[in-house]
């Protein structure tokens, strides 16, 4: 398209140059015709050879007019050609401008389409990056949750083991304390039983001694008052010294 515009411009310039040359030649011919007319007027005014000169001038005038007519026709033809060339150049230039505008419009639309496609491609790439980053972040979160769950489970297991150990120790101490308390209770019960048994035997011996004393008094008969008082005093339980307990074996109980 640019080459066509340059060729049309050169053709227009050449046509304009031709018109200028023809116009210059026509002007020169018109000037010569004017000079010939002036010479003819001078010759006609001279009385010598007027008829011959008139014929010669007529021929010159005819030749000049024919040349002028030819030059005018050539100038008109060149002018018409120049106008046609100018019109052709104008049409070509207009078509070239329209074609260039169409091409630029198409190029602009193509650039817009390419830009939109590139933007869409970039958006898709960005969306893919977002999806990839979201998946990686979710994987990291899942891994962190799994690790936290495993740590929590391990801590729970450790706590349960420590609790079981503590409960076992507490139960063992409680069992030891209970066994010790039961032993102490059994010892206390046995001591109480022995004390009660000793008390019973002492009471029985005291009762037997009193019965023996009373029986002896009865067998001795009435005594003097002083002896009776002495005997009464001796027979009173409060005056009788408490007998020492003798060792009690398991067979005598």
C-alpha atoms as a PDB file:
ATOM      1  CA  UNK A   1       0.000   0.000   0.000  1.00  0.00           C
ATOM      2  CA  UNK A   2       2.821   2.441   0.790  1.00  0.00           C
ATOM      3  CA  UNK A   3       4.497   1.598  -2.574  1.00  0.00           C
ATOM      4  CA  UNK A   4       1.257   2.331  -4.456  1.00  0.00           C
ATOM      5  CA  UNK A   5       0.936   5.669  -2.700  1.00  0.00           C
ATOM      6  CA  UNK A   6       4.511   6.587  -3.632  1.00  0.00           C
ATOM      7  CA  UNK A   7       3.969   5.589  -7.308  1.00  0.00           C
ATOM      8  CA  UNK A   8       0.749   7.617  -7.485  1.00  0.00           C
ATOM      9  CA  UNK A   9       2.530  10.587  -5.952  1.00  0.00           C
ATOM     10  CA  UNK A  10       5.331  10.350  -8.545  1.00  0.00           C
ATOM     11  CA  UNK A  11       2.784  10.136 -11.393  1.00  0.00           C
ATOM     12  CA  UNK A  12       0.983  13.213 -10.092  1.00  0.00           C
ATOM     13  CA  UNK A  13       4.244  15.140  -9.839  1.00  0.00           C
ATOM     14  CA  UNK A  14       5.224  14.153 -13.398  1.00  0.00           C
ATOM     15  CA  UNK A  15       1.798  15.176 -14.737  1.00  0.00           C
ATOM     16  CA  UNK A  16       2.011  18.529 -12.982  1.00  0.00           C
ATOM     17  CA  UNK A  17       5.521  19.033 -14.415  1.00  0.00           C
ATOM     18  CA  UNK A  18       4.212  18.259 -17.925  1.00  0.00           C
ATOM     19  CA  UNK A  19       1.365  20.748 -17.511  1.00  0.00           C
ATOM     20  CA  UNK A  20       3.844  23.376 -16.358  1.00  0.00           C
ATOM     21  CA  UNK A  21       6.079  22.772 -19.417  1.00  0.00           C
ATOM     22  CA  UNK A  22       3.106  22.918 -21.794  1.00  0.00           C
ATOM     23  CA  UNK A  23       1.856  26.070 -20.157  1.00  0.00           C
ATOM     24  CA  UNK A  24       5.316  27.571 -20.578  1.00  0.00           C
ATOM     25  CA  UNK A  25       5.452  26.525 -24.278  1.00  0.00           C
ATOM     26  CA  UNK A  26       1.958  27.949 -24.874  1.00  0.00           C
ATOM     27  CA  UNK A  27       2.965  31.194 -23.270  1.00  0.00           C
ATOM     28  CA  UNK A  28       6.082  31.317 -25.445  1.00  0.00           C
ATOM     29  CA  UNK A  29       4.026  30.609 -28.622  1.00  0.00           C
ATOM     30  CA  UNK A  30       1.529  33.297 -27.681  1.00  0.00           C
ATOM     31  CA  UNK A  31       4.401  35.688 -27.183  1.00  0.00           C
ATOM     32  CA  UNK A  32       5.830  34.808 -30.648  1.00  0.00           C
ATOM     33  CA  UNK A  33       2.386  35.250 -32.183  1.00  0.00           C
ATOM     34  CA  UNK A  34       2.086  38.645 -30.614  1.00  0.00           C
ATOM     35  CA  UNK A  35       5.528  39.581 -31.951  1.00  0.00           C
ATOM     36  CA  UNK A  36       4.567  38.296 -35.436  1.00  0.00           C
ATOM     37  CA  UNK A  37       1.409  40.380 -35.368  1.00  0.00           C
ATOM     38  CA  UNK A  38       3.411  43.412 -34.427  1.00  0.00           C
ATOM     39  CA  UNK A  39       5.871  42.724 -37.305  1.00  0.00           C
ATOM     40  CA  UNK A  40       2.975  42.207 -39.667  1.00  0.00           C
ATOM     41  CA  UNK A  41       1.500  45.487 -38.672  1.00  0.00           C
ATOM     42  CA  UNK A  42       4.809  47.184 -39.357  1.00  0.00           C
ATOM     43  CA  UNK A  43       5.201  45.483 -42.742  1.00  0.00           C
ATOM     44  CA  UNK A  44       1.663  46.330 -43.736  1.00  0.00           C
ATOM     45  CA  UNK A  45       2.349  49.920 -43.005  1.00  0.00           C
ATOM     46  CA  UNK A  46       5.375  49.855 -45.423  1.00  0.00           C
ATOM     47  CA  UNK A  47       4.411  50.522 -49.101  1.00  0.00           C
ATOM     48  CA  UNK A  48       7.187  48.310 -50.560  1.00  0.00           C
ATOM     49  CA  UNK A  49       6.029  44.780 -51.519  1.00  0.00           C
ATOM     50  CA  UNK A  50       2.805  45.026 -49.605  1.00  0.00           C
ATOM     51  CA  UNK A  51       0.973  42.203 -51.357  1.00  0.00           C
ATOM     52  CA  UNK A  52       3.814  39.708 -51.226  1.00  0.00           C
ATOM     53  CA  UNK A  53       4.456  40.560 -47.639  1.00  0.00           C
ATOM     54  CA  UNK A  54       0.779  40.195 -46.813  1.00  0.00           C
ATOM     55  CA  UNK A  55       0.725  36.693 -48.272  1.00  0.00           C
ATOM     56  CA  UNK A  56       3.836  35.773 -46.369  1.00  0.00           C
ATOM     57  CA  UNK A  57       2.411  37.159 -43.170  1.00  0.00           C
ATOM     58  CA  UNK A  58      -0.827  35.304 -43.752  1.00  0.00           C
ATOM     59  CA  UNK A  59       1.058  32.058 -44.106  1.00  0.00           C
ATOM     60  CA  UNK A  60       3.059  32.787 -40.984  1.00  0.00           C
ATOM     61  CA  UNK A  61      -0.094  33.668 -39.117  1.00  0.00           C
ATOM     62  CA  UNK A  62      -1.726  30.455 -40.282  1.00  0.00           C
ATOM     63  CA  UNK A  63       1.283  28.390 -39.222  1.00  0.00           C
ATOM     64  CA  UNK A  64       1.408  30.176 -35.893  1.00  0.00           C
ATOM     65  CA  UNK A  65      -2.305  29.654 -35.296  1.00  0.00           C
ATOM     66  CA  UNK A  66      -1.991  25.969 -36.230  1.00  0.00           C
ATOM     67  CA  UNK A  67       0.962  25.618 -33.886  1.00  0.00           C
ATOM     68  CA  UNK A  68      -0.929  27.444 -31.176  1.00  0.00           C
ATOM     69  CA  UNK A  69      -3.984  25.238 -31.749  1.00  0.00           C
ATOM     70  CA  UNK A  70      -1.779  22.163 -31.620  1.00  0.00           C
ATOM     71  CA  UNK A  71      -0.126  23.411 -28.447  1.00  0.00           C
ATOM     72  CA  UNK A  72      -3.512  24.251 -26.936  1.00  0.00           C
ATOM     73  CA  UNK A  73      -4.862  20.822 -27.854  1.00  0.00           C
ATOM     74  CA  UNK A  74      -1.754  19.216 -26.432  1.00  0.00           C
ATOM     75  CA  UNK A  75      -2.082  21.357 -23.309  1.00  0.00           C
ATOM     76  CA  UNK A  76      -5.779  20.475 -22.984  1.00  0.00           C
ATOM     77  CA  UNK A  77      -4.953  16.803 -23.499  1.00  0.00           C
ATOM     78  CA  UNK A  78      -2.165  16.965 -20.956  1.00  0.00           C
ATOM     79  CA  UNK A  79      -4.400  18.889 -18.563  1.00  0.00           C
ATOM     80  CA  UNK A  80      -7.138  16.293 -18.972  1.00  0.00           C
ATOM     81  CA  UNK A  81      -4.596  13.540 -18.459  1.00  0.00           C
ATOM     82  CA  UNK A  82      -3.262  15.403 -15.449  1.00  0.00           C
ATOM     83  CA  UNK A  83      -6.775  15.804 -14.073  1.00  0.00           C
ATOM     84  CA  UNK A  84      -7.447  12.148 -14.752  1.00  0.00           C
ATOM     85  CA  UNK A  85      -4.152  11.256 -13.112  1.00  0.00           C
ATOM     86  CA  UNK A  86      -4.973  13.544 -10.208  1.00  0.00           C
ATOM     87  CA  UNK A  87      -8.443  12.031  -9.923  1.00  0.00           C
ATOM     88  CA  UNK A  88      -6.928   8.567 -10.157  1.00  0.00           C
ATOM     89  CA  UNK A  89      -4.387   9.541  -7.527  1.00  0.00           C
ATOM     90  CA  UNK A  90      -7.176  10.927  -5.349  1.00  0.00           C
ATOM     91  CA  UNK A  91      -9.197   7.746  -5.789  1.00  0.00           C
ATOM     92  CA  UNK A  92      -6.149   5.581  -5.189  1.00  0.00           C
ATOM     93  CA  UNK A  93      -5.166   7.671  -2.209  1.00  0.00           C
ATOM     94  CA  UNK A  94      -8.710   7.466  -0.840  1.00  0.00           C
ATOM     95  CA  UNK A  95      -8.830   3.714  -1.419  1.00  0.00           C
ATOM     96  CA  UNK A  96      -5.362   3.402   0.087  1.00  0.00           C
ATOM     97  CA  UNK A  97      -6.436   5.474   3.081  1.00  0.00           C
ATOM     98  CA  UNK A  98      -9.579   3.403   3.471  1.00  0.00           C
ATOM     99  CA  UNK A  99      -7.579   0.201   3.098  1.00  0.00           C
ATOM    100  CA  UNK A 100      -4.995   1.501   5.557  1.00  0.00           C
ATOM    101  CA  UNK A 101      -7.776   2.464   7.957  1.00  0.00           C
ATOM    102  CA  UNK A 102      -9.292  -1.002   7.571  1.00  0.00           C
ATOM    103  CA  UNK A 103      -5.911  -2.606   8.067  1.00  0.00           C
ATOM    104  CA  UNK A 104      -5.231  -0.440  11.085  1.00  0.00           C
ATOM    105  CA  UNK A 105      -8.701  -1.193  12.418  1.00  0.00           C
ATOM    106  CA  UNK A 106      -8.148  -4.893  11.844  1.00  0.00           C
ATOM    107  CA  UNK A 107      -4.684  -4.612  13.374  1.00  0.00           C
ATOM    108  CA  UNK A 108      -6.139  -2.702  16.321  1.00  0.00           C
ATOM    109  CA  UNK A 109      -8.872  -5.304  16.736  1.00  0.00           C
ATOM    110  CA  UNK A 110      -6.271  -8.064  16.460  1.00  0.00           C
ATOM    111  CA  UNK A 111      -4.129  -6.314  19.064  1.00  0.00           C
ATOM    112  CA  UNK A 112      -7.186  -6.000  21.301  1.00  0.00           C
ATOM    113  CA  UNK A 113      -8.025  -9.664  20.754  1.00  0.00           C
ATOM    114  CA  UNK A 114      -4.422 -10.648  21.445  1.00  0.00           C
ATOM    115  CA  UNK A 115      -4.433  -8.435  24.538  1.00  0.00           C
ATOM    116  CA  UNK A 116      -7.677  -9.968  25.758  1.00  0.00           C
ATOM    117  CA  UNK A 117      -6.320 -13.451  25.074  1.00  0.00           C
ATOM    118  CA  UNK A 118      -3.113 -12.606  26.928  1.00  0.00           C
ATOM    119  CA  UNK A 119      -5.099 -11.168  29.838  1.00  0.00           C
ATOM    120  CA  UNK A 120      -7.295 -14.285  29.889  1.00  0.00           C
ATOM    121  CA  UNK A 121      -4.178 -16.430  29.797  1.00  0.00           C
ATOM    122  CA  UNK A 122      -2.647 -14.453  32.657  1.00  0.00           C
ATOM    123  CA  UNK A 123      -5.910 -14.712  34.610  1.00  0.00           C
ATOM    124  CA  UNK A 124      -5.985 -18.472  34.081  1.00  0.00           C
ATOM    125  CA  UNK A 125      -2.334 -18.720  35.160  1.00  0.00           C
ATOM    126  CA  UNK A 126      -3.082 -16.595  38.233  1.00  0.00           C
ATOM    127  CA  UNK A 127      -6.120 -18.744  39.046  1.00  0.00           C
ATOM    128  CA  UNK A 128      -4.014 -21.882  38.640  1.00  0.00           C
ATOM    129  CA  UNK A 129      -1.367 -20.369  40.941  1.00  0.00           C
ATOM    130  CA  UNK A 130      -4.072 -19.519  43.480  1.00  0.00           C
ATOM    131  CA  UNK A 131      -5.447 -23.064  43.318  1.00  0.00           C
ATOM    132  CA  UNK A 132      -1.948 -24.509  43.678  1.00  0.00           C
ATOM    133  CA  UNK A 133      -1.122 -22.220  46.603  1.00  0.00           C
ATOM    134  CA  UNK A 134      -4.476 -23.015  48.242  1.00  0.00           C
ATOM    135  CA  UNK A 135      -3.813 -26.745  47.828  1.00  0.00           C
ATOM    136  CA  UNK A 136      -0.311 -26.369  49.278  1.00  0.00           C
ATOM    137  CA  UNK A 137      -1.659 -24.311  52.183  1.00  0.00           C
ATOM    138  CA  UNK A 138      -4.406 -26.880  52.800  1.00  0.00           C
ATOM    139  CA  UNK A 139      -1.815 -29.672  52.707  1.00  0.00           C
ATOM    140  CA  UNK A 140       0.320 -27.777  55.218  1.00  0.00           C
ATOM    141  CA  UNK A 141      -2.725 -27.209  57.422  1.00  0.00           C
ATOM    142  CA  UNK A 142      -3.670 -30.894  57.188  1.00  0.00           C
ATOM    143  CA  UNK A 143      -0.106 -31.890  58.024  1.00  0.00           C
ATOM    144  CA  UNK A 144      -0.058 -29.470  60.965  1.00  0.00           C
ATOM    145  CA  UNK A 145      -3.439 -30.786  62.161  1.00  0.00           C
ATOM    146  CA  UNK A 146      -2.225 -34.378  61.835  1.00  0.00           C
ATOM    147  CA  UNK A 147       0.970 -33.553  63.711  1.00  0.00           C
ATOM    148  CA  UNK A 148      -0.994 -31.725  66.411  1.00  0.00           C
ATOM    149  CA  UNK A 149      -3.401 -34.672  66.694  1.00  0.00           C
ATOM    150  CA  UNK A 150      -0.493 -37.102  66.987  1.00  0.00           C
ATOM    151  CA  UNK A 151       1.183 -34.916  69.617  1.00  0.00           C
ATOM    152  CA  UNK A 152      -2.120 -34.600  71.478  1.00  0.00           C
ATOM    153  CA  UNK A 153      -2.617 -38.367  71.317  1.00  0.00           C
ATOM    154  CA  UNK A 154       0.939 -38.931  72.569  1.00  0.00           C
ATOM    155  CA  UNK A 155       0.428 -36.463  75.413  1.00  0.00           C
ATOM    156  CA  UNK A 156      -2.910 -38.088  76.219  1.00  0.00           C
ATOM    157  CA  UNK A 157      -1.256 -41.509  76.282  1.00  0.00           C
ATOM    158  CA  UNK A 158       1.518 -40.164  78.512  1.00  0.00           C
ATOM    159  CA  UNK A 159      -1.048 -38.526  80.796  1.00  0.00           C
ATOM    160  CA  UNK A 160      -3.119 -41.715  80.941  1.00  0.00           C
ATOM    161  CA  UNK A 161       0.010 -43.763  81.699  1.00  0.00           C
ATOM    162  CA  UNK A 162       1.048 -41.292  84.398  1.00  0.00           C
ATOM    163  CA  UNK A 163      -2.499 -41.338  85.797  1.00  0.00           C
ATOM    164  CA  UNK A 164      -2.568 -45.132  85.804  1.00  0.00           C
ATOM    165  CA  UNK A 165       0.819 -45.202  87.518  1.00  0.00           C
ATOM    166  CA  UNK A 166      -0.360 -42.647  90.078  1.00  0.00           C
ATOM    167  CA  UNK A 167      -3.583 -44.588  90.651  1.00  0.00           C
ATOM    168  CA  UNK A 168      -1.581 -47.790  91.089  1.00  0.00           C
ATOM    169  CA  UNK A 169       0.717 -46.062  93.566  1.00  0.00           C
ATOM    170  CA  UNK A 170      -2.280 -44.591  95.418  1.00  0.00           C
ATOM    171  CA  UNK A 171      -4.006 -47.975  95.464  1.00  0.00           C
ATOM    172  CA  UNK A 172      -0.812 -49.603  96.688  1.00  0.00           C
ATOM    173  CA  UNK A 173      -0.417 -47.026  99.444  1.00  0.00           C
ATOM    174  CA  UNK A 174      -4.107 -47.360 100.309  1.00  0.00           C
ATOM    175  CA  UNK A 175      -3.781 -51.145 100.402  1.00  0.00           C
ATOM    176  CA  UNK A 176      -0.709 -50.853 102.622  1.00  0.00           C
ATOM    177  CA  UNK A 177      -2.482 -48.382 104.895  1.00  0.00           C
ATOM    178  CA  UNK A 178      -5.582 -50.584 104.965  1.00  0.00           C
ATOM    179  CA  UNK A 179      -3.506 -53.673 105.740  1.00  0.00           C
ATOM    180  CA  UNK A 180      -1.656 -51.778 108.445  1.00  0.00           C
ATOM    181  CA  UNK A 181      -4.937 -50.447 109.866  1.00  0.00           C
ATOM    182  CA  UNK A 182      -6.493 -53.906 109.767  1.00  0.00           C
ATOM    183  CA  UNK A 183      -3.410 -55.303 111.516  1.00  0.00           C
ATOM    184  CA  UNK A 184      -3.584 -52.591 114.151  1.00  0.00           C
ATOM    185  CA  UNK A 185      -7.314 -53.228 114.539  1.00  0.00           C
ATOM    186  CA  UNK A 186      -6.689 -56.962 114.871  1.00  0.00           C
ATOM    187  CA  UNK A 187      -3.922 -56.300 117.407  1.00  0.00           C
ATOM    188  CA  UNK A 188      -6.178 -53.921 119.350  1.00  0.00           C
ATOM    189  CA  UNK A 189      -9.030 -56.421 119.246  1.00  0.00           C
ATOM    190  CA  UNK A 190      -6.721 -59.166 120.472  1.00  0.00           C
ATOM    191  CA  UNK A 191      -5.358 -56.899 123.237  1.00  0.00           C
ATOM    192  CA  UNK A 192      -8.912 -56.013 124.294  1.00  0.00           C
ATOM    193  CA  UNK A 193      -9.881 -59.665 124.296  1.00  0.00           C
ATOM    194  CA  UNK A 194      -6.857 -60.553 126.420  1.00  0.00           C
ATOM    195  CA  UNK A 195      -7.586 -57.671 128.797  1.00  0.00           C
ATOM    196  CA  UNK A 196     -11.204 -58.741 129.166  1.00  0.00           C
ATOM    197  CA  UNK A 197     -10.140 -62.324 129.709  1.00  0.00           C
ATOM    198  CA  UNK A 198      -7.596 -61.244 132.325  1.00  0.00           C
ATOM    199  CA  UNK A 199     -10.188 -59.116 134.054  1.00  0.00           C
ATOM    200  CA  UNK A 200     -12.605 -62.030 134.073  1.00  0.00           C
ATOM    201  CA  UNK A 201     -10.019 -64.356 135.592  1.00  0.00           C
ATOM    202  CA  UNK A 202      -8.993 -61.783 138.205  1.00  0.00           C
ATOM    203  CA  UNK A 203     -12.632 -61.275 139.094  1.00  0.00           C
ATOM    204  CA  UNK A 204     -13.152 -64.999 139.337  1.00  0.00           C
ATOM    205  CA  UNK A 205     -10.094 -65.419 141.596  1.00  0.00           C
ATOM    206  CA  UNK A 206     -11.191 -62.560 143.818  1.00  0.00           C
ATOM    207  CA  UNK A 207     -14.663 -64.057 144.087  1.00  0.00           C
ATOM    208  CA  UNK A 208     -13.142 -67.465 144.837  1.00  0.00           C
ATOM    209  CA  UNK A 209     -10.876 -65.968 147.511  1.00  0.00           C
ATOM    210  CA  UNK A 210     -13.773 -64.151 149.150  1.00  0.00           C
ATOM    211  CA  UNK A 211     -15.842 -67.340 149.094  1.00  0.00           C
ATOM    212  CA  UNK A 212     -12.959 -69.239 150.654  1.00  0.00           C
ATOM    213  CA  UNK A 213     -12.537 -66.627 153.381  1.00  0.00           C
ATOM    214  CA  UNK A 214     -16.243 -66.667 154.171  1.00  0.00           C
ATOM    215  CA  UNK A 215     -16.230 -70.431 154.249  1.00  0.00           C
ATOM    216  CA  UNK A 216     -13.254 -70.420 156.611  1.00  0.00           C
ATOM    217  CA  UNK A 217     -14.955 -67.926 158.905  1.00  0.00           C
ATOM    218  CA  UNK A 218     -18.026 -70.055 159.015  1.00  0.00           C
ATOM    219  CA  UNK A 219     -15.997 -73.092 159.915  1.00  0.00           C
ATOM    220  CA  UNK A 220     -14.124 -71.277 162.707  1.00  0.00           C
ATOM    221  CA  UNK A 221     -17.345 -70.215 164.436  1.00  0.00           C
ATOM    222  CA  UNK A 222     -18.098 -67.009 166.289  1.00  0.00           C
ATOM    223  CA  UNK A 223     -14.987 -65.050 167.266  1.00  0.00           C
ATOM    224  CA  UNK A 224     -14.320 -62.243 169.598  1.00  0.00           C
ATOM    225  CA  UNK A 225     -15.475 -58.877 168.510  1.00  0.00           C
ATOM    226  CA  UNK A 226     -11.973 -57.676 167.886  1.00  0.00           C
ATOM    227  CA  UNK A 227     -11.155 -60.781 165.951  1.00  0.00           C
ATOM    228  CA  UNK A 228     -14.442 -60.535 164.140  1.00  0.00           C
ATOM    229  CA  UNK A 229     -13.727 -56.931 163.303  1.00  0.00           C
ATOM    230  CA  UNK A 230     -10.287 -57.932 162.212  1.00  0.00           C
ATOM    231  CA  UNK A 231     -11.730 -60.771 160.232  1.00  0.00           C
ATOM    232  CA  UNK A 232     -14.350 -58.467 158.738  1.00  0.00           C
ATOM    233  CA  UNK A 233     -11.738 -55.957 157.919  1.00  0.00           C
ATOM    234  CA  UNK A 234      -9.550 -58.613 156.420  1.00  0.00           C
ATOM    235  CA  UNK A 235     -12.494 -60.013 154.459  1.00  0.00           C
ATOM    236  CA  UNK A 236     -13.541 -56.663 152.985  1.00  0.00           C
ATOM    237  CA  UNK A 237     -12.732 -56.410 149.287  1.00  0.00           C
ATOM    238  CA  UNK A 238     -11.346 -52.897 149.661  1.00  0.00           C
ATOM    239  CA  UNK A 239      -8.763 -54.072 152.164  1.00  0.00           C
ATOM    240  CA  UNK A 240      -7.748 -57.143 150.194  1.00  0.00           C
ATOM    241  CA  UNK A 241      -4.675 -56.437 148.103  1.00  0.00           C
ATOM    242  CA  UNK A 242      -5.210 -57.014 144.418  1.00  0.00           C
ATOM    243  CA  UNK A 243      -3.579 -60.231 143.360  1.00  0.00           C
ATOM    244  CA  UNK A 244      -0.963 -59.935 140.679  1.00  0.00           C
ATOM    245  CA  UNK A 245      -2.103 -61.429 137.414  1.00  0.00           C
ATOM    246  CA  UNK A 246      -0.363 -64.576 136.553  1.00  0.00           C
ATOM    247  CA  UNK A 247       0.719 -65.278 133.015  1.00  0.00           C
ATOM    248  CA  UNK A 248      -2.193 -66.677 131.063  1.00  0.00           C
ATOM    249  CA  UNK A 249      -1.529 -69.270 128.535  1.00  0.00           C
ATOM    250  CA  UNK A 250      -3.767 -69.973 125.628  1.00  0.00           C
ATOM    251  CA  UNK A 251      -4.721 -73.362 127.158  1.00  0.00           C
ATOM    252  CA  UNK A 252      -6.148 -71.807 130.388  1.00  0.00           C
ATOM    253  CA  UNK A 253      -8.518 -69.535 128.507  1.00  0.00           C
END
